[in-house]
Amino acid sequence: MTDKPKVDLDDLAAELRQSVSREIRWEAEDVEADALKLTLRRRSLSDAVAELLHRGDTVSFVTPPLTVTGLLTHCRGDLAIMDCGEATISANLAGPVVVRRERSSRSGGSSSSGGSGSFRARLSEFELTGEAVGIITPSTADIVLGHINVVGTDHLVMTGPGNIDWYIPLPTIALVVQAR
């Protein structure tokens, strides 16, 4: 007769439980990662920028010929507003601008209460106040300075130094600089 090795059933049961638990944890981690990726795929640039605002992260708006860095103060629709110290910058999130997170905040950010609901509405505010602003568009080599006369359906008309009128398509506008 041959002796069969004795199997400790308690040890075997414990090993099986650990193995199954490990597999379930790995599967749950995979499902969570997939759910997060799906959530990220569904959000817009405005959603991502609003998250940066709420966290209080330092960000940059990047568009040739300029990069400005500061803290977000407002985000709604296709509009994000930044305080960069010497100026307030309004960014057209539907335009030729890239948003870059520079530093994560260790303390809370702010909410976006009040303020304009869109970039076009922000331009209309500047039209109504008549204050001087700078328009940054990659189509020009320089910042276009002047007063917004009218915001049309797809463009704005701006009068700059020397009474030169500029007709600027709205989708080409990256940033509006409001000096303090």
Foldseek 3Di string as FASTA:
>chain_A
DDDDDDDDVVVVVVVVVVVVVVVVVVVVVVVVVVVVVVVVVPDDPLVVVQVCQFQFFWKWKDDPPDIAIATWAATADQWTWGCRPFWIKIFRNLARIDMGGDGGDPDTHDHHPDDDRHPLVVLVVQLVVQAWKWWDFNVDNDTFIAGWPDRDPFWTWGQGPPRDIDTGGPRRTGMIIGGD
